[in-house]
C-alpha cells in the first residue's frame, strides 16, 4: 500500500510507511481521549476505521499530518477529484458507466437530492 503524507502547512506529498500511518493515528486517538478534545471523534483514528477511510480515497487528518493513498498496483484514480482508492468505488450518476471514488459518489447523490 502506497501511503503519502504531508504537514498541514506543506504543499508536497511524500511517501511514508503503513507503520508510520498506524502509529500516527494511534497517537492522535490517544491524545483526543486524554485531552478530551471535543471537535474530533477518536473512532476515526482507530486502526480499522482509519484504514477504511484511507482505502476509500479519503484524507485522514491528524492534528499535524495529512495522509492519503498514493498510486499503486491496487489503486484506482478517481476522474473527478484525482484521489486514489482501493476496491469498489461508486458508479457515477452522471453517465452510469464511470467508476468514481466513494466520496464523489456520495457528493453526486447529495447533489441529486437538492431541489
N, C-alpha and C. Protein backbone atom coordinates (compact mmCIF):
# COMPACT_ATOMS: atom_id res chain seq x y z
N UNK A 1 0.84 -1.16 0.00
CA UNK A 1 0.00 0.00 0.00
C UNK A 1 0.90 1.24 0.00
N UNK A 2 0.70 2.10 -0.97
CA UNK A 2 1.49 3.32 -1.09
C UNK A 2 0.77 4.46 -0.37
N UNK A 3 1.33 4.92 0.74
CA UNK A 3 0.72 5.97 1.54
C UNK A 3 1.55 7.24 1.42
N UNK A 4 0.85 8.36 1.26
CA UNK A 4 1.51 9.66 1.17
C UNK A 4 1.13 10.50 2.38
N UNK A 5 2.04 11.38 2.78
CA UNK A 5 1.76 12.26 3.91
C UNK A 5 2.31 13.65 3.64
N UNK A 6 1.72 14.63 4.30
CA UNK A 6 2.25 16.00 4.28
C UNK A 6 1.79 16.72 5.53
N UNK A 7 2.52 17.75 5.90
CA UNK A 7 2.09 18.55 7.04
C UNK A 7 0.96 19.46 6.59
N UNK A 8 0.21 19.97 7.53
CA UNK A 8 -0.89 20.87 7.20
C UNK A 8 -0.40 22.11 6.45
N UNK A 9 0.79 22.57 6.78
CA UNK A 9 1.34 23.77 6.14
C UNK A 9 2.04 23.45 4.82
N UNK A 10 2.34 22.18 4.59
CA UNK A 10 3.13 21.79 3.43
C UNK A 10 2.33 21.75 2.14
N UNK A 11 3.06 21.73 1.02
CA UNK A 11 2.40 21.61 -0.27
C UNK A 11 2.76 20.31 -0.97
N UNK A 12 3.82 19.64 -0.51
CA UNK A 12 4.27 18.40 -1.14
C UNK A 12 3.82 17.17 -0.37
N UNK A 13 3.38 16.16 -1.11
CA UNK A 13 3.06 14.86 -0.53
C UNK A 13 4.28 13.98 -0.64
N UNK A 14 4.66 13.32 0.45
CA UNK A 14 5.83 12.45 0.48
C UNK A 14 5.42 11.04 0.89
N UNK A 15 6.16 10.05 0.40
CA UNK A 15 5.87 8.66 0.74
C UNK A 15 6.15 8.39 2.22
N UNK A 16 5.32 7.54 2.80
CA UNK A 16 5.54 7.09 4.17
C UNK A 16 5.19 5.60 4.23
N UNK A 17 5.29 5.04 5.40
CA UNK A 17 5.02 3.61 5.56
C UNK A 17 3.68 3.39 6.26
N UNK A 18 3.16 2.19 6.11
CA UNK A 18 1.94 1.82 6.81
C UNK A 18 2.15 1.91 8.31
N UNK A 19 3.31 1.51 8.79
CA UNK A 19 3.61 1.55 10.22
C UNK A 19 3.57 2.98 10.74
N UNK A 20 4.12 3.93 9.97
CA UNK A 20 4.11 5.33 10.37
C UNK A 20 2.68 5.86 10.42
N UNK A 21 1.87 5.47 9.44
CA UNK A 21 0.47 5.88 9.42
C UNK A 21 -0.26 5.36 10.65
N UNK A 22 -0.11 4.06 10.93
CA UNK A 22 -0.81 3.44 12.07
C UNK A 22 -0.35 4.05 13.40
N UNK A 23 0.94 4.32 13.52
CA UNK A 23 1.45 4.94 14.74
C UNK A 23 0.87 6.35 14.91
N UNK A 24 0.77 7.09 13.82
CA UNK A 24 0.25 8.46 13.89
C UNK A 24 -1.22 8.50 14.29
N UNK A 25 -2.02 7.58 13.73
CA UNK A 25 -3.44 7.59 14.11
C UNK A 25 -3.63 7.10 15.54
N UNK A 26 -2.78 6.18 15.99
CA UNK A 26 -2.87 5.71 17.37
C UNK A 26 -2.54 6.84 18.34
N UNK A 27 -1.49 7.59 18.04
CA UNK A 27 -1.11 8.74 18.88
C UNK A 27 -2.22 9.77 18.89
N UNK A 28 -2.79 10.04 17.72
CA UNK A 28 -3.88 11.01 17.62
C UNK A 28 -5.08 10.57 18.46
N UNK A 29 -5.47 9.31 18.34
CA UNK A 29 -6.60 8.80 19.11
C UNK A 29 -6.33 8.94 20.61
N UNK A 30 -5.13 8.55 21.04
CA UNK A 30 -4.79 8.63 22.46
C UNK A 30 -4.82 10.07 22.97
N UNK A 31 -4.34 11.02 22.16
CA UNK A 31 -4.35 12.43 22.57
C UNK A 31 -5.78 12.97 22.67
N UNK A 32 -6.62 12.62 21.71
CA UNK A 32 -8.01 13.06 21.74
C UNK A 32 -8.70 12.57 23.01
N UNK A 33 -8.47 11.31 23.35
CA UNK A 33 -9.09 10.74 24.55
C UNK A 33 -8.53 11.38 25.80
N UNK A 34 -7.21 11.51 25.85
CA UNK A 34 -6.56 12.05 27.05
C UNK A 34 -6.93 13.51 27.29
N UNK A 35 -6.96 14.31 26.21
CA UNK A 35 -7.22 15.73 26.36
C UNK A 35 -8.70 16.08 26.23
N UNK A 36 -9.54 15.06 25.97
CA UNK A 36 -10.98 15.26 25.81
C UNK A 36 -11.27 16.34 24.77
N UNK A 37 -10.65 16.21 23.62
CA UNK A 37 -10.85 17.17 22.52
C UNK A 37 -12.23 16.88 21.91
N UNK A 38 -13.10 17.86 21.97
CA UNK A 38 -14.50 17.61 21.59
C UNK A 38 -14.78 17.73 20.10
N UNK A 39 -13.91 18.39 19.34
CA UNK A 39 -14.21 18.57 17.91
C UNK A 39 -13.66 17.45 17.03
N UNK A 40 -13.11 16.40 17.63
CA UNK A 40 -12.62 15.25 16.88
C UNK A 40 -13.16 13.97 17.50
N UNK A 41 -13.50 13.03 16.64
CA UNK A 41 -14.03 11.75 17.09
C UNK A 41 -12.88 10.75 17.15
N UNK A 42 -12.56 10.21 18.33
CA UNK A 42 -11.44 9.26 18.42
C UNK A 42 -11.66 8.01 17.59
N UNK A 43 -12.92 7.66 17.27
CA UNK A 43 -13.21 6.47 16.46
C UNK A 43 -12.55 6.58 15.08
N UNK A 44 -12.45 7.80 14.54
CA UNK A 44 -11.85 7.99 13.22
C UNK A 44 -10.36 7.64 13.20
N UNK A 45 -9.78 7.48 14.38
CA UNK A 45 -8.35 7.18 14.47
C UNK A 45 -8.09 5.78 14.99
N UNK A 46 -9.13 4.94 15.04
CA UNK A 46 -8.91 3.53 15.32
C UNK A 46 -8.37 2.90 14.05
N UNK A 47 -7.46 1.95 14.19
CA UNK A 47 -6.74 1.38 13.05
C UNK A 47 -7.65 0.95 11.91
N UNK A 48 -8.65 0.14 12.20
CA UNK A 48 -9.52 -0.40 11.15
C UNK A 48 -10.31 0.71 10.45
N UNK A 49 -10.85 1.63 11.24
CA UNK A 49 -11.65 2.72 10.68
C UNK A 49 -10.78 3.66 9.83
N UNK A 50 -9.60 4.02 10.35
CA UNK A 50 -8.70 4.92 9.62
C UNK A 50 -8.22 4.28 8.31
N UNK A 51 -7.92 2.98 8.35
CA UNK A 51 -7.52 2.28 7.12
C UNK A 51 -8.66 2.26 6.11
N UNK A 52 -9.89 2.10 6.60
CA UNK A 52 -11.05 2.14 5.71
C UNK A 52 -11.20 3.48 5.03
N UNK A 53 -11.01 4.56 5.80
CA UNK A 53 -11.06 5.90 5.20
C UNK A 53 -9.99 6.05 4.13
N UNK A 54 -8.79 5.60 4.45
CA UNK A 54 -7.67 5.71 3.53
C UNK A 54 -7.94 4.93 2.25
N UNK A 55 -8.42 3.69 2.38
CA UNK A 55 -8.68 2.84 1.22
C UNK A 55 -9.80 3.38 0.33
N UNK A 56 -10.74 4.11 0.93
CA UNK A 56 -11.86 4.64 0.15
C UNK A 56 -11.52 5.95 -0.53
N UNK A 57 -10.28 6.43 -0.34
CA UNK A 57 -9.86 7.64 -1.02
C UNK A 57 -9.93 8.89 -0.16
N UNK A 58 -10.36 8.75 1.09
CA UNK A 58 -10.46 9.90 1.97
C UNK A 58 -9.10 10.28 2.52
N UNK A 59 -8.92 11.54 2.84
CA UNK A 59 -7.71 12.02 3.51
C UNK A 59 -7.92 11.85 5.00
N UNK A 60 -6.95 11.25 5.68
CA UNK A 60 -7.00 11.09 7.13
C UNK A 60 -6.25 12.27 7.72
N UNK A 61 -6.96 13.05 8.51
CA UNK A 61 -6.46 14.32 9.03
C UNK A 61 -6.10 14.18 10.51
N UNK A 62 -4.81 14.11 10.80
CA UNK A 62 -4.37 14.13 12.20
C UNK A 62 -4.01 15.59 12.52
N UNK A 63 -3.82 15.94 13.79
CA UNK A 63 -3.54 17.34 14.10
C UNK A 63 -2.31 17.92 13.39
N UNK A 64 -1.32 17.10 13.08
CA UNK A 64 -0.10 17.63 12.46
C UNK A 64 0.08 17.20 11.02
N UNK A 65 -0.45 16.04 10.64
CA UNK A 65 -0.14 15.44 9.34
C UNK A 65 -1.40 14.95 8.64
N UNK A 66 -1.43 15.12 7.33
CA UNK A 66 -2.49 14.56 6.49
C UNK A 66 -1.95 13.32 5.81
N UNK A 67 -2.79 12.29 5.68
CA UNK A 67 -2.40 11.06 4.98
C UNK A 67 -3.40 10.77 3.87
N UNK A 68 -2.92 10.25 2.76
CA UNK A 68 -3.80 9.79 1.69
C UNK A 68 -3.14 8.62 0.97
N UNK A 69 -3.95 7.89 0.23
CA UNK A 69 -3.45 6.76 -0.54
C UNK A 69 -2.78 7.28 -1.80
N UNK A 70 -1.65 6.68 -2.16
CA UNK A 70 -0.96 7.06 -3.38
C UNK A 70 -1.20 6.05 -4.49
N UNK A 71 -0.63 6.33 -5.63
CA UNK A 71 -0.78 5.44 -6.79
C UNK A 71 -0.05 4.13 -6.53
N UNK A 72 -0.69 3.03 -6.88
CA UNK A 72 -0.08 1.73 -6.68
C UNK A 72 -0.78 0.67 -7.50
N UNK A 73 -0.35 -0.57 -7.33
CA UNK A 73 -0.90 -1.68 -8.11
C UNK A 73 -2.38 -1.91 -7.84
N UNK A 74 -2.83 -1.68 -6.61
CA UNK A 74 -4.21 -1.99 -6.24
C UNK A 74 -5.09 -0.74 -6.12
N UNK A 75 -4.63 0.39 -6.65
CA UNK A 75 -5.40 1.62 -6.51
C UNK A 75 -5.98 2.07 -7.84
N UNK A 76 -7.08 2.81 -7.74
CA UNK A 76 -7.74 3.39 -8.89
C UNK A 76 -7.81 4.89 -8.66
N UNK A 77 -7.60 5.68 -9.71
CA UNK A 77 -7.67 7.13 -9.58
C UNK A 77 -9.07 7.62 -9.94
N UNK A 78 -9.64 8.41 -9.07
CA UNK A 78 -10.98 8.98 -9.32
C UNK A 78 -10.85 10.08 -10.37
N UNK A 79 -11.63 10.02 -11.46
CA UNK A 79 -11.53 11.04 -12.51
C UNK A 79 -12.09 12.40 -12.09
N UNK A 80 -12.84 12.44 -11.00
CA UNK A 80 -13.43 13.71 -10.56
C UNK A 80 -12.48 14.47 -9.64
N UNK A 81 -12.06 13.82 -8.54
CA UNK A 81 -11.24 14.54 -7.55
C UNK A 81 -9.75 14.22 -7.65
N UNK A 82 -9.40 13.15 -8.37
CA UNK A 82 -7.99 12.80 -8.53
C UNK A 82 -7.40 11.99 -7.40
N UNK A 83 -8.20 11.64 -6.40
CA UNK A 83 -7.68 10.83 -5.30
C UNK A 83 -7.62 9.36 -5.71
N UNK A 84 -6.77 8.60 -5.04
CA UNK A 84 -6.66 7.17 -5.28
C UNK A 84 -7.47 6.43 -4.23
N UNK A 85 -8.07 5.32 -4.63
CA UNK A 85 -8.83 4.49 -3.70
C UNK A 85 -8.63 3.04 -4.06
N UNK A 86 -8.97 2.15 -3.10
CA UNK A 86 -8.84 0.71 -3.31
C UNK A 86 -10.22 0.08 -3.33
N UNK A 87 -10.35 -1.00 -4.06
CA UNK A 87 -11.61 -1.74 -4.07
C UNK A 87 -12.67 -1.04 -4.89
N UNK A 88 -13.92 -1.37 -4.55
CA UNK A 88 -15.03 -0.77 -5.27
C UNK A 88 -15.23 0.67 -4.85
N UNK A 89 -15.43 1.52 -5.82
CA UNK A 89 -15.79 2.90 -5.53
C UNK A 89 -17.29 3.03 -5.70
N UNK A 90 -17.68 3.88 -6.61
CA UNK A 90 -19.10 4.10 -6.90
C UNK A 90 -19.26 4.30 -8.40
N UNK A 91 -20.45 4.10 -8.88
CA UNK A 91 -20.75 4.33 -10.29
C UNK A 91 -21.32 5.73 -10.40
N UNK A 92 -20.75 6.54 -11.28
CA UNK A 92 -21.20 7.91 -11.43
C UNK A 92 -22.66 7.97 -11.86
N UNK A 93 -23.41 8.84 -11.24
CA UNK A 93 -24.81 9.05 -11.61
C UNK A 93 -24.92 9.87 -12.89
N UNK A 94 -23.85 10.50 -13.29
CA UNK A 94 -23.89 11.39 -14.46
C UNK A 94 -23.97 10.62 -15.78
N UNK A 95 -23.25 9.47 -15.84
CA UNK A 95 -23.27 8.70 -17.10
C UNK A 95 -23.55 7.21 -16.90
N UNK A 96 -23.65 6.77 -15.64
CA UNK A 96 -23.91 5.37 -15.30
C UNK A 96 -22.90 4.39 -15.86
N UNK A 97 -21.65 4.84 -16.08
CA UNK A 97 -20.61 3.91 -16.53
C UNK A 97 -19.23 4.22 -15.97
N UNK A 98 -19.02 5.42 -15.45
CA UNK A 98 -17.71 5.82 -14.94
C UNK A 98 -17.57 5.45 -13.48
N UNK A 99 -16.47 4.75 -13.14
CA UNK A 99 -16.17 4.44 -11.74
C UNK A 99 -15.53 5.65 -11.09
N UNK A 100 -16.04 6.05 -9.93
CA UNK A 100 -15.51 7.17 -9.16
C UNK A 100 -15.32 6.72 -7.72
N UNK A 101 -14.63 7.54 -6.91
CA UNK A 101 -14.42 7.17 -5.51
C UNK A 101 -15.73 7.29 -4.74
N UNK A 102 -15.77 6.66 -3.58
CA UNK A 102 -16.98 6.65 -2.76
C UNK A 102 -17.41 8.05 -2.35
N UNK A 103 -16.44 8.90 -2.02
CA UNK A 103 -16.77 10.26 -1.59
C UNK A 103 -17.43 11.05 -2.72
N UNK A 104 -16.91 10.95 -3.93
CA UNK A 104 -17.52 11.65 -5.06
C UNK A 104 -18.89 11.05 -5.38
N UNK A 105 -19.05 9.75 -5.21
CA UNK A 105 -20.35 9.11 -5.39
C UNK A 105 -21.36 9.65 -4.40
N UNK A 106 -20.92 9.83 -3.14
CA UNK A 106 -21.80 10.40 -2.12
C UNK A 106 -22.13 11.85 -2.45
N UNK A 107 -21.14 12.60 -2.91
CA UNK A 107 -21.38 14.00 -3.29
C UNK A 107 -22.40 14.11 -4.41
N UNK A 108 -22.30 13.23 -5.42
CA UNK A 108 -23.27 13.24 -6.53
C UNK A 108 -24.67 12.91 -6.02
N UNK A 109 -24.77 11.95 -5.11
CA UNK A 109 -26.08 11.57 -4.57
C UNK A 109 -26.71 12.73 -3.80
N UNK A 110 -25.91 13.43 -3.01
CA UNK A 110 -26.42 14.57 -2.24
C UNK A 110 -26.84 15.69 -3.18
N UNK A 111 -26.04 15.93 -4.23
CA UNK A 111 -26.42 16.97 -5.21
C UNK A 111 -27.76 16.64 -5.86
N UNK A 112 -28.00 15.38 -6.17
CA UNK A 112 -29.25 14.98 -6.81
C UNK A 112 -30.44 15.10 -5.86
N UNK A 113 -30.19 15.09 -4.56
CA UNK A 113 -31.29 15.22 -3.59
C UNK A 113 -31.76 16.66 -3.45
N UNK A 114 -30.92 17.62 -3.85
CA UNK A 114 -31.29 19.04 -3.73
C UNK A 114 -32.42 19.36 -4.69
N UNK A 115 -33.26 20.27 -4.31
CA UNK A 115 -34.41 20.64 -5.15
C UNK A 115 -33.98 21.63 -6.20
